[in-house]
Amino acid sequence: MELSISLMIICFFTCLIHTTESLAYGMRLAGVRTKQIAIAMAFVTSTLLVSRLSNMFQAPLLGAMVDTTILINTQESLGILENQFRLVILFAFVGAFIGAVLTPTAVFLFQKAILHFQETGSIPRTVVRGLKPKNMIQILKSFRLPSLKALKTISIKDIPKGFLVTNVIVTSIYVIGVLCSLLAGAFLPEFRSTALQLSGIINGMATILFTIFVDPPGARVTDQAVNGLRSENDVRSVVFCLQAGKMIGILVLAQLFLKPFSNYIMWVTEIIKHWVS
């Protein structure tokens, strides 16, 4: 498989997307420490702008890869496309891992950002303030890796088990939703627009599971910690479980689900094809 420039760019943006998303989990811990959950959650949205902008650059390149495969129109080219998508998934794992490693630093910086925002009342002003030379030096000095002491405080004893399992599944589905529809479209070029629109039947399933089984339990633990009903260690455990589940889901389940879910979209596309014929 040739590692083209476009594929490297796609892998870079994929890595950036999942690094950002993984770092955003740490905002829960920053919110608990500053007792400013609402501001922390608003910062999550701001942080994820990086992810959305990266996706804006990544998506057309993925589409171009599929179009090129369709033009070549051989079994070998389809196999190469699948392998390229698997490489993209691997870089999603790399991004999630980098985000997990940078979380202690990010939590510290998020705390500072929340406190500065309370003073300025403006995210742009907070960002400009952080970009001042003396503050940039402090940011570089604040770099820290996950400590063994902090990892020893992690416990899943009081974390809902359904939350842990569902998080792994949801993450894996989110990663491959669009990739599966693109791969299905490459196999059914005459109905590739239909296949692409069907990414929603994959991501929709993940959204339902996340909304019911993942987000509420995580939010409950965070609120209880703010109100003194749980310790900060419980929130740290939730953040750890979210990040670990994301990495496991991407590295294992996403790779396993890519082909079966692509076949599922192809099957639904074939049904729609017969309906409209």
Protein backbone atom coordinates (compact mmCIF):
# COMPACT_ATOMS: atom_id res chain seq x y z
CA MET A 1 0.00 0.00 0.00
CA GLU A 2 1.48 3.32 -1.11
CA LEU A 3 1.48 6.05 1.53
CA SER A 4 0.44 9.02 -0.61
CA ILE A 5 0.56 12.64 0.51
CA SER A 6 -3.25 12.81 0.65
CA LEU A 7 -3.37 9.69 2.85
CA MET A 8 -0.75 11.18 5.19
CA ILE A 9 -2.80 14.39 5.43
CA ILE A 10 -5.94 12.38 6.20
CA CYS A 11 -4.08 10.43 8.90
CA PHE A 12 -2.74 13.68 10.39
CA PHE A 13 -6.19 15.27 10.65
CA THR A 14 -7.67 12.01 11.97
CA CYS A 15 -5.00 11.97 14.67
CA LEU A 16 -5.72 15.63 15.51
CA ILE A 17 -9.48 14.99 15.69
CA HIS A 18 -9.14 12.17 18.20
CA THR A 19 -6.43 13.91 20.22
CA THR A 20 -8.80 16.84 20.68
CA GLU A 21 -11.77 14.64 21.54
CA SER A 22 -9.71 12.68 24.06
CA LEU A 23 -8.44 15.89 25.68
CA ALA A 24 -12.01 17.20 25.95
CA TYR A 25 -12.81 14.42 28.43
CA GLY A 26 -10.39 16.08 30.86
CA MET A 27 -12.64 19.14 30.99
CA ARG A 28 -14.85 17.24 33.47
CA LEU A 29 -11.97 17.10 35.93
CA ALA A 30 -11.12 20.77 35.40
CA GLY A 31 -14.79 21.64 36.00
CA VAL A 32 -14.84 19.72 39.29
CA ARG A 33 -11.62 21.33 40.54
CA THR A 34 -12.82 24.85 39.72
CA LYS A 35 -16.46 24.14 40.67
CA GLN A 36 -17.45 25.63 37.30
CA ILE A 37 -19.12 22.75 35.45
CA ALA A 38 -21.24 24.92 33.13
CA ILE A 39 -18.19 26.90 31.96
CA ALA A 40 -16.18 23.69 31.61
CA MET A 41 -18.84 22.15 29.36
CA ALA A 42 -18.91 25.35 27.28
CA PHE A 43 -15.14 25.00 26.90
CA VAL A 44 -15.66 21.45 25.62
CA THR A 45 -17.66 22.86 22.70
CA SER A 46 -14.94 25.44 22.00
CA THR A 47 -12.20 22.79 22.16
CA LEU A 48 -14.06 20.53 19.76
CA LEU A 49 -13.98 23.28 17.13
CA VAL A 50 -10.49 21.99 16.33
CA SER A 51 -12.00 18.57 15.69
CA ARG A 52 -14.74 19.96 13.45
CA LEU A 53 -12.33 22.11 11.46
CA SER A 54 -10.02 19.12 10.99
CA ASN A 55 -12.97 17.07 9.76
CA MET A 56 -13.77 19.81 7.25
CA PHE A 57 -10.33 19.31 5.66
CA GLN A 58 -10.30 15.53 6.03
CA ALA A 59 -13.72 14.70 4.54
CA PRO A 60 -13.08 15.88 0.93
CA LEU A 61 -9.80 13.95 0.81
CA LEU A 62 -11.56 10.77 1.94
CA GLY A 63 -14.15 11.32 -0.78
CA ALA A 64 -11.40 11.80 -3.37
CA MET A 65 -9.82 8.49 -2.33
CA VAL A 66 -13.13 6.71 -2.94
CA ASP A 67 -13.63 8.44 -6.32
CA THR A 68 -10.13 7.40 -7.41
CA THR A 69 -10.85 3.80 -6.41
CA ILE A 70 -14.10 3.83 -8.39
CA LEU A 71 -12.30 5.16 -11.48
CA ILE A 72 -9.71 2.36 -11.27
CA ASN A 73 -12.55 -0.14 -10.64
CA THR A 74 -10.59 -3.29 -9.75
CA GLN A 75 -10.77 -5.71 -6.83
CA GLU A 76 -7.21 -4.81 -5.97
CA SER A 77 -8.04 -1.11 -5.71
CA LEU A 78 -10.99 -1.91 -3.41
CA GLY A 79 -8.68 -3.96 -1.21
CA ILE A 80 -6.18 -1.09 -1.10
CA LEU A 81 -8.96 1.34 -0.11
CA GLU A 82 -10.01 -0.92 2.77
CA ASN A 83 -6.40 -1.12 3.97
CA GLN A 84 -6.09 2.66 3.74
CA PHE A 85 -9.20 3.04 5.88
CA ARG A 86 -7.74 0.63 8.43
CA LEU A 87 -4.63 2.82 8.56
CA VAL A 88 -6.86 5.85 9.17
CA ILE A 89 -8.49 3.97 12.06
CA LEU A 90 -5.05 3.17 13.46
CA PHE A 91 -4.17 6.88 13.45
CA ALA A 92 -7.44 7.55 15.27
CA PHE A 93 -6.07 5.28 18.02
CA VAL A 94 -2.74 7.16 17.95
CA GLY A 95 -4.64 10.42 18.42
CA ALA A 96 -6.66 9.02 21.32
CA PHE A 97 -3.45 7.77 22.95
CA ILE A 98 -1.71 11.15 22.57
CA GLY A 99 -4.76 12.84 24.08
CA ALA A 100 -4.69 10.48 27.07
CA VAL A 101 -0.98 11.14 27.66
CA LEU A 102 -1.49 14.91 27.45
CA THR A 103 -4.55 14.92 29.74
CA PRO A 104 -2.74 15.95 32.98
CA THR A 105 -1.26 18.95 31.17
CA ALA A 106 -4.58 19.75 29.50
CA VAL A 107 -6.51 19.59 32.80
CA PHE A 108 -4.07 22.05 34.38
CA LEU A 109 -4.37 24.43 31.40
CA PHE A 110 -8.16 24.05 31.30
CA GLN A 111 -8.29 25.07 34.98
CA LYS A 112 -6.25 28.20 34.24
CA ALA A 113 -8.39 28.96 31.18
CA ILE A 114 -11.62 28.67 33.19
CA LEU A 115 -10.29 31.04 35.86
CA HIS A 116 -9.08 33.53 33.21
CA PHE A 117 -12.47 33.31 31.47
CA GLN A 118 -14.19 34.27 34.73
CA GLU A 119 -12.08 37.43 34.74
CA THR A 120 -12.38 38.35 31.06
CA GLY A 121 -15.80 36.88 30.20
CA SER A 122 -14.55 36.26 26.66
CA ILE A 123 -13.00 33.18 25.08
CA PRO A 124 -11.07 35.20 22.43
CA ARG A 125 -9.56 37.39 25.18
CA THR A 126 -8.68 34.30 27.20
CA VAL A 127 -6.94 32.79 24.16
CA VAL A 128 -5.05 36.02 23.39
CA ARG A 129 -3.98 36.23 27.02
CA GLY A 130 -2.67 32.67 26.87
CA LEU A 131 -0.65 33.46 23.73
CA LYS A 132 1.39 36.18 25.40
CA PRO A 133 5.11 35.23 25.48
CA LYS A 134 5.37 34.93 29.27
CA ASN A 135 2.20 32.82 29.43
CA MET A 136 3.42 30.61 26.59
CA ILE A 137 6.59 29.91 28.59
CA GLN A 138 4.46 28.96 31.60
CA ILE A 139 2.35 26.68 29.40
CA LEU A 140 5.47 24.88 28.20
CA LYS A 141 6.70 24.56 31.79
CA SER A 142 3.36 23.09 32.88
CA PHE A 143 3.84 19.98 30.75
CA ARG A 144 3.38 16.84 32.83
CA LEU A 145 2.90 13.15 32.10
CA PRO A 146 0.36 10.90 33.86
CA SER A 147 1.86 9.98 37.23
CA LEU A 148 1.87 6.51 38.76
CA LYS A 149 0.37 8.01 41.92
CA ALA A 150 -2.62 9.34 39.97
CA LEU A 151 -3.09 6.05 38.12
CA LYS A 152 -3.19 4.18 41.44
CA THR A 153 -6.24 6.20 42.44
CA ILE A 154 -8.19 4.91 39.43
CA SER A 155 -10.98 2.55 40.45
CA ILE A 156 -13.94 1.21 38.48
CA LYS A 157 -15.63 -0.17 41.60
CA ASP A 158 -18.23 2.63 41.79
CA ILE A 159 -18.45 3.24 38.03
CA PRO A 160 -21.55 1.74 36.30
CA LYS A 161 -20.44 -1.34 34.35
CA GLY A 162 -22.92 -0.66 31.54
CA PHE A 163 -21.26 2.74 31.12
CA LEU A 164 -17.85 1.09 30.67
CA VAL A 165 -18.96 -1.47 28.08
CA THR A 166 -21.23 0.84 26.09
CA ASN A 167 -18.52 3.51 25.87
CA VAL A 168 -16.20 1.04 24.10
CA ILE A 169 -18.92 0.06 21.61
CA VAL A 170 -20.09 3.63 20.97
CA THR A 171 -16.57 4.90 20.32
CA SER A 172 -15.82 2.16 17.81
CA ILE A 173 -19.05 2.85 15.91
CA TYR A 174 -18.49 6.62 15.77
CA VAL A 175 -15.02 6.12 14.28
CA ILE A 176 -16.16 3.91 11.40
CA GLY A 177 -19.62 5.30 10.57
CA VAL A 178 -18.55 7.48 7.64
CA LEU A 179 -15.73 5.12 6.59
CA CYS A 180 -18.20 2.23 6.28
CA SER A 181 -20.55 4.26 4.08
CA LEU A 182 -17.63 5.40 1.90
CA LEU A 183 -16.37 1.84 1.54
CA ALA A 184 -19.88 0.62 0.70
CA GLY A 185 -20.13 3.38 -1.91
CA ALA A 186 -16.89 2.20 -3.51
CA PHE A 187 -18.33 -1.31 -3.87
CA LEU A 188 -21.64 0.06 -5.21
CA PRO A 189 -20.47 3.07 -7.28
CA GLU A 190 -23.79 3.57 -9.06
CA PHE A 191 -25.47 4.09 -5.66
CA ARG A 192 -22.59 5.64 -3.73
CA SER A 193 -24.61 8.75 -2.83
CA THR A 194 -27.24 6.52 -1.24
CA ALA A 195 -24.57 4.57 0.64
CA LEU A 196 -22.97 7.77 1.92
CA GLN A 197 -26.28 9.04 3.27
CA LEU A 198 -26.70 5.75 5.15
CA SER A 199 -23.79 6.54 7.50
CA GLY A 200 -26.57 7.80 9.75
CA ILE A 201 -27.85 4.28 10.42
CA ILE A 202 -24.45 3.50 11.94
CA ASN A 203 -23.80 6.78 13.74
CA GLY A 204 -27.45 7.04 14.76
CA MET A 205 -27.14 3.77 16.66
CA ALA A 206 -24.05 5.12 18.45
CA THR A 207 -25.80 8.41 19.27
CA ILE A 208 -28.73 6.59 20.89
CA LEU A 209 -26.41 4.41 22.98
CA PHE A 210 -24.28 7.41 24.00
CA THR A 211 -27.31 9.54 24.93
CA ILE A 212 -28.91 6.82 27.07
CA PHE A 213 -26.03 4.81 28.54
CA VAL A 214 -22.80 6.87 28.44
CA ASP A 215 -23.40 10.61 28.88
CA PRO A 216 -25.92 10.57 31.79
CA PRO A 217 -23.88 8.27 34.12
CA GLY A 218 -20.72 10.28 33.44
CA ALA A 219 -22.54 13.57 34.08
CA ARG A 220 -24.06 12.15 37.28
CA VAL A 221 -20.65 11.23 38.71
CA THR A 222 -19.31 14.69 37.80
CA ASP A 223 -22.24 16.54 39.44
CA GLN A 224 -22.01 14.38 42.56
CA ALA A 225 -18.31 15.24 42.85
CA VAL A 226 -19.05 18.98 42.56
CA ASN A 227 -21.67 18.65 45.31
CA GLY A 228 -19.29 16.75 47.59
CA LEU A 229 -21.08 13.40 47.28
CA ARG A 230 -18.15 11.77 45.48
CA SER A 231 -14.41 12.28 45.49
CA GLU A 232 -12.37 13.84 42.72
CA ASN A 233 -10.83 10.39 42.19
CA ASP A 234 -14.20 9.12 40.92
CA VAL A 235 -14.21 11.80 38.21
CA ARG A 236 -10.61 10.96 37.39
CA SER A 237 -11.70 7.32 37.06
CA VAL A 238 -14.54 8.32 34.71
CA VAL A 239 -12.12 10.32 32.52
CA PHE A 240 -9.68 7.40 32.50
CA CYS A 241 -12.45 4.93 31.57
CA LEU A 242 -13.71 7.18 28.77
CA GLN A 243 -10.22 7.47 27.30
CA ALA A 244 -9.29 3.81 27.80
CA GLY A 245 -12.63 2.74 26.32
CA LYS A 246 -12.05 5.03 23.35
CA MET A 247 -8.63 3.48 22.69
CA ILE A 248 -9.87 -0.11 23.04
CA GLY A 249 -12.90 0.62 20.89
CA ILE A 250 -10.80 2.12 18.11
CA LEU A 251 -7.92 -0.36 18.19
CA VAL A 252 -10.02 -3.53 18.44
CA LEU A 253 -13.74 -3.16 17.70
CA ALA A 254 -13.49 -0.49 14.99
CA GLN A 255 -11.12 -2.70 13.00
CA LEU A 256 -13.41 -5.71 13.50
CA PHE A 257 -16.61 -3.83 12.64
CA LEU A 258 -15.35 -2.03 9.50
CA LYS A 259 -16.13 -4.77 6.98
CA PRO A 260 -19.35 -6.17 8.55
CA PHE A 261 -20.87 -2.71 8.93
CA SER A 262 -19.85 -1.82 5.37
CA ASN A 263 -21.64 -4.98 4.20
CA TYR A 264 -24.67 -3.96 6.26
CA ILE A 265 -24.80 -0.56 4.51
CA MET A 266 -24.39 -2.29 1.14
CA TRP A 267 -27.30 -4.59 2.01
CA VAL A 268 -29.56 -1.65 2.95
CA THR A 269 -28.45 0.18 -0.20
CA GLU A 270 -29.42 -2.84 -2.32
CA ILE A 271 -32.87 -2.88 -0.68
CA ILE A 272 -33.36 0.83 -1.42
CA LYS A 273 -32.12 0.23 -4.96
CA HIS A 274 -34.86 -2.36 -5.53
CA TRP A 275 -37.49 -0.06 -4.03
CA VAL A 276 -36.71 2.81 -6.39
CA SER A 277 -36.20 0.63 -9.48
